Protein backbone atom coordinates (compact mmCIF):
# COMPACT_ATOMS: atom_id res chain seq x y z
CA MET A 1 23.13 -4.06 3.30
CA ALA A 2 19.94 -6.09 4.19
CA ASP A 3 19.64 -4.44 7.33
CA ALA A 4 20.71 -0.91 6.33
CA ALA A 5 17.92 1.85 5.97
CA PHE A 6 17.20 2.57 2.43
CA LEU A 7 14.44 5.29 2.77
CA THR A 8 12.95 6.99 5.80
CA ALA A 9 9.77 8.88 5.34
CA GLU A 10 6.32 9.44 6.85
CA TRP A 11 3.09 7.86 5.53
CA ARG A 12 0.08 9.72 6.48
CA ASP A 13 -3.54 9.93 5.88
CA LEU A 14 -3.81 6.54 4.36
CA VAL A 15 -7.37 6.08 2.69
CA MET A 16 -7.64 2.17 2.19
CA LEU A 17 -10.42 0.54 0.24
CA ASN A 18 -10.51 -3.07 0.32
CA PHE A 19 -11.81 -5.76 -2.18
CA ALA A 20 -12.31 -9.38 -2.10
CA VAL A 21 -10.84 -11.02 -5.16
CA ASP A 22 -10.72 -14.27 -6.79
CA PRO A 23 -7.44 -15.80 -5.87
CA ALA A 24 -6.94 -17.10 -9.52
CA VAL A 25 -6.76 -13.48 -10.72
CA LEU A 26 -3.95 -12.68 -8.50
CA ALA A 27 -2.15 -16.17 -8.96
CA PRO A 28 0.10 -14.91 -11.94
CA HIS A 29 1.22 -11.97 -9.92
CA VAL A 30 2.32 -13.77 -6.76
CA PRO A 31 6.11 -13.23 -6.40
CA PRO A 32 8.20 -16.80 -6.42
CA GLY A 33 9.02 -17.89 -3.08
CA THR A 34 5.72 -16.63 -1.50
CA GLU A 35 1.77 -17.56 -1.42
CA LEU A 36 -1.10 -15.70 -1.16
CA ASP A 37 -2.31 -14.54 2.35
CA LEU A 38 -5.61 -15.20 3.00
CA PHE A 39 -8.17 -13.48 5.69
CA ALA A 40 -10.98 -16.11 6.60
CA GLY A 41 -10.53 -17.85 3.41
CA GLU A 42 -10.36 -14.80 1.23
CA ALA A 43 -7.99 -12.95 -1.13
CA TYR A 44 -7.81 -9.13 -0.79
CA VAL A 45 -6.52 -6.15 -2.93
CA SER A 46 -6.32 -2.81 -1.43
CA LEU A 47 -6.55 0.63 -3.42
CA VAL A 48 -4.45 2.77 -1.08
CA GLY A 49 -3.81 6.63 -1.59
CA PHE A 50 -1.55 8.37 1.06
CA MET A 51 0.91 11.13 1.61
CA PHE A 52 4.73 10.39 1.32
CA LEU A 53 6.13 13.19 3.75
CA ARG A 54 9.92 14.10 4.91
CA THR A 55 11.45 11.71 2.42
CA ARG A 56 15.20 10.94 2.78
CA LEU A 57 16.90 8.28 0.61
CA LEU A 58 19.85 6.81 2.35
CA GLY A 59 19.54 9.58 5.00
CA CYS A 60 19.80 12.49 2.61
CA PRO A 61 16.58 14.71 1.59
CA ILE A 62 16.25 15.23 -2.12
CA PRO A 63 15.24 18.69 -3.19
CA TRP A 64 11.70 18.94 -4.41
CA HIS A 65 11.20 15.01 -3.76
CA ARG A 66 10.26 15.11 -0.06
CA ASN A 67 6.43 15.42 -0.18
CA PHE A 68 4.25 13.78 -2.54
CA GLU A 69 1.23 11.61 -2.99
CA GLU A 70 1.20 7.88 -3.88
CA LEU A 71 -1.97 5.56 -4.99
CA ASN A 72 -1.19 1.94 -5.04
CA LEU A 73 -3.27 -1.39 -5.61
CA ARG A 74 -1.75 -3.85 -3.63
CA PHE A 75 -2.33 -7.61 -2.31
CA TYR A 76 -1.26 -9.76 0.38
CA VAL A 77 1.23 -12.55 0.50
CA ARG A 78 3.19 -14.44 3.17
CA ARG A 79 6.51 -16.52 3.20
CA ARG A 80 7.95 -18.88 5.85
CA GLY A 81 10.28 -17.03 8.31
CA ARG A 82 12.93 -18.01 10.76
CA ASP A 83 12.69 -17.41 14.62
CA ASP A 84 15.54 -15.20 14.75
CA GLU A 85 13.84 -12.75 12.03
CA PRO A 86 11.52 -9.74 12.93
CA HIS A 87 7.80 -9.87 12.41
CA VAL A 88 7.33 -13.45 12.50
CA GLY A 89 4.08 -14.78 13.45
CA PRO A 90 3.12 -17.36 15.78
CA ASP A 91 2.23 -19.44 12.74
CA GLY A 92 5.91 -19.14 11.36
CA TYR A 93 4.92 -16.76 8.52
CA LYS A 94 6.05 -13.42 7.45
CA ARG A 95 3.11 -11.49 6.23
CA GLY A 96 3.98 -9.11 3.31
CA VAL A 97 2.30 -7.10 0.62
CA ALA A 98 3.15 -7.18 -3.20
CA PHE A 99 1.97 -4.45 -5.67
CA LEU A 100 0.14 -4.58 -8.83
CA LYS A 101 0.65 -0.70 -9.64
CA GLU A 102 2.16 2.09 -7.69
CA ILE A 103 1.52 5.65 -9.16
CA VAL A 104 3.52 8.94 -7.90
CA PRO A 105 3.76 12.31 -9.50
CA ARG A 106 7.43 12.25 -9.52
CA ALA A 107 9.18 10.70 -12.25
CA ALA A 108 12.71 10.39 -10.27
CA VAL A 109 11.12 8.40 -7.53
CA ALA A 110 9.26 6.22 -10.06
CA MET A 111 12.57 5.57 -12.01
CA VAL A 112 14.46 4.83 -8.53
CA ALA A 113 11.97 2.24 -7.28
CA ARG A 114 11.85 0.76 -10.76
CA ARG A 115 15.82 0.21 -11.16
CA LEU A 116 16.69 -0.54 -7.88
CA TYR A 117 13.60 -2.99 -6.70
CA GLY A 118 11.99 -3.50 -9.63
CA GLU A 119 8.60 -1.94 -8.25
CA ARG A 120 5.96 -1.57 -10.64
CA TYR A 121 6.04 2.09 -10.53
CA GLU A 122 4.46 5.10 -12.81
CA ALA A 123 4.62 8.70 -12.74
CA TRP A 124 1.43 10.65 -13.47
CA PRO A 125 -0.03 14.08 -12.21
CA MET A 126 -1.45 13.59 -8.82
CA ARG A 127 -3.65 15.72 -6.16
CA HIS A 128 -4.94 15.42 -2.79
CA THR A 129 -7.54 17.00 -0.59
CA ARG A 130 -8.22 16.87 3.30
CA THR A 131 -11.27 18.34 5.31
CA ALA A 132 -10.85 18.16 9.06
CA ALA A 133 -13.44 16.54 11.05
CA ALA A 134 -15.35 19.12 13.16
CA ALA A 135 -17.08 18.32 16.42
CA GLU A 136 -20.48 17.30 14.74
CA ALA A 137 -19.32 17.06 11.08
CA ALA A 138 -17.39 14.28 9.09
CA GLY A 139 -14.13 15.09 7.62
CA ARG A 140 -12.87 13.62 4.17
CA VAL A 141 -9.61 12.70 2.73
CA GLY A 142 -9.38 11.99 -0.98
CA TYR A 143 -6.56 11.41 -3.84
CA GLY A 144 -6.61 11.73 -7.49
CA VAL A 145 -4.35 10.78 -10.50
CA ARG A 146 -4.66 12.05 -13.85
CA VAL A 147 -4.05 9.14 -16.53
CA GLY A 148 -5.68 9.18 -20.15
CA GLY A 149 -6.79 12.74 -20.21
CA ARG A 150 -8.95 12.30 -16.99
CA TRP A 151 -8.85 12.49 -13.34
CA HIS A 152 -9.47 9.13 -11.38
CA ALA A 153 -9.98 9.67 -7.64
CA LEU A 154 -10.78 7.94 -4.43
CA SER A 155 -12.06 9.49 -1.12
CA LEU A 156 -13.29 8.56 2.23
CA GLY A 157 -14.76 10.22 5.22
CA TYR A 158 -14.11 9.86 8.85
CA ARG A 159 -15.23 11.25 12.27
CA GLY A 160 -13.87 11.47 15.79
CA GLU A 161 -10.57 10.18 17.06
CA PRO A 162 -8.57 7.14 15.62
CA ALA A 163 -8.30 4.11 17.46
CA ALA A 164 -5.97 1.08 17.52
CA LEU A 165 -6.58 -1.90 15.49
CA VAL A 166 -8.30 -4.63 17.13
CA PRO A 167 -6.08 -7.78 17.02
CA GLY A 168 -7.24 -10.27 14.70
CA SER A 169 -9.63 -7.95 12.64
CA GLU A 170 -9.64 -7.56 9.15
CA ALA A 171 -8.56 -3.80 9.32
CA GLU A 172 -5.40 -5.26 11.16
CA PHE A 173 -4.89 -7.95 8.59
CA ILE A 174 -4.84 -5.26 5.94
CA ALA A 175 -2.66 -2.69 7.77
CA GLU A 176 -0.05 -4.62 9.62
CA HIS A 177 2.18 -6.13 7.00
CA TYR A 178 6.00 -5.35 7.50
CA TRP A 179 7.51 -7.07 4.68
CA GLY A 180 7.46 -6.25 0.87
CA TYR A 181 7.81 -8.55 -2.22
CA VAL A 182 8.59 -7.81 -5.81
CA ALA A 183 9.70 -9.88 -8.84
CA GLY A 184 9.64 -9.40 -12.41
CA PRO A 185 9.80 -11.04 -15.60
CA GLY A 186 13.40 -12.80 -15.40
CA ARG A 187 14.15 -11.17 -11.96
CA PRO A 188 14.51 -12.94 -8.61
CA THR A 189 12.16 -12.22 -5.91
CA VAL A 190 13.41 -9.25 -3.86
CA GLU A 191 12.27 -9.06 0.09
CA TYR A 192 12.38 -6.07 2.04
CA ARG A 193 11.45 -4.95 5.43
CA VAL A 194 9.27 -2.06 6.39
CA GLU A 195 9.24 -0.73 10.20
CA HIS A 196 6.62 1.52 11.63
CA PRO A 197 4.60 1.49 14.98
CA PRO A 198 1.00 -0.13 14.90
CA TRP A 199 -1.21 2.22 13.19
CA ARG A 200 -4.58 3.62 14.61
CA ALA A 201 -7.30 4.23 12.06
CA TRP A 202 -10.74 5.84 11.48
CA ALA A 203 -13.57 3.56 10.32
CA GLY A 204 -14.51 4.80 6.94
CA LEU A 205 -17.42 6.79 6.17
CA GLU A 206 -19.03 6.96 2.46
CA PRO A 207 -16.02 5.54 0.37
CA GLN A 208 -16.23 7.06 -2.88
CA LEU A 209 -14.35 5.54 -6.18
CA ASP A 210 -14.38 7.22 -9.43
CA LEU A 211 -11.83 5.39 -11.81
CA ASP A 212 -11.47 3.63 -14.78
CA VAL A 213 -10.23 0.23 -13.57
CA ALA A 214 -9.69 -1.43 -16.97
CA ALA A 215 -7.70 1.61 -17.98
CA LEU A 216 -5.29 1.76 -14.89
CA TYR A 217 -5.01 -1.83 -13.84
CA GLY A 218 -6.47 -4.09 -16.60
CA ARG A 219 -9.71 -5.73 -17.38
CA GLU A 220 -9.17 -8.87 -15.11
CA LEU A 221 -9.48 -6.49 -11.82
CA ALA A 222 -12.51 -4.64 -13.17
CA PRO A 223 -15.00 -7.22 -11.71
CA ALA A 224 -13.65 -7.03 -8.16
CA LEU A 225 -13.07 -3.21 -8.08
CA ALA A 226 -16.68 -2.46 -9.60
CA ALA A 227 -18.17 -3.86 -6.65
CA ALA A 228 -18.51 -1.91 -3.20
CA PRO A 229 -15.41 -2.40 -1.04
CA ARG A 230 -15.50 -5.10 1.45
CA SER A 231 -14.26 -2.63 3.96
CA ALA A 232 -12.81 1.08 4.31
CA PHE A 233 -10.62 2.83 6.63
CA LEU A 234 -8.35 5.77 7.13
CA ALA A 235 -5.00 4.94 8.77
CA GLU A 236 -3.19 7.75 10.64
CA GLY A 237 0.17 6.69 9.71
CA SER A 238 3.76 7.29 11.18
CA PRO A 239 7.13 7.58 10.56
CA VAL A 240 8.46 4.43 8.65
CA THR A 241 11.66 3.09 7.55
CA VAL A 242 12.23 0.88 4.20
CA TYR A 243 15.48 -1.28 4.72
CA HIS A 244 17.38 -2.56 1.57
CA GLY A 245 15.88 -5.38 -0.07
CA ARG A 246 17.58 -9.02 -0.63
CA ARG A 247 17.35 -11.59 -3.32
CA LEU A 248 15.68 -14.79 -2.35
CA ALA A 249 17.09 -18.09 -3.81
């Protein structure tokens, strides 16, 4: 089952706001069997808002659950790979992501993700906006979630056409991870593979973030997310395939 497709969809209009964070803050959340993946010696978390489109579970479309928003807070880990595995870097590592929280507006989606993968999903009302870029004017993409009686939001401007990510750049490090890792109390780490073509992206313009970090993610992350993003970009996205996971020994 590890090589069987669990979910197919399109991930589009990924607003990615990236923040440097003290590795000690992330250490308790690192799934066993993995280690923090650093870029230029620094640990990162990313707030990512995007559209889940044309979703199919085990090849079947689920009525009223095909198109929806997601907002997640993720960080970056790595694990030693084998030569016969896909997406193993020249350093011998598989680069992956782990999630501190994922929010969707569909309770059934959150329930399935929690039960099958142990992912930290929650269901709350969400909305999104998209203004197309004109010839000389910037467009903007934004996502919002209503928690605790108020709307929390992030948005990002963009202009022109998307470009391929520069090899070795921070943006490539953030975007090009093809493994996911999740673990919970008393549960073994689950590893799953995500396949998609390399993404193109727009450089972000005037990132805006209006959320109560402590209410959504806890006080330990408030200092990092209160600062201006270290970087911001809008990834075009693509069709994706998420494969069944496997438990690590």
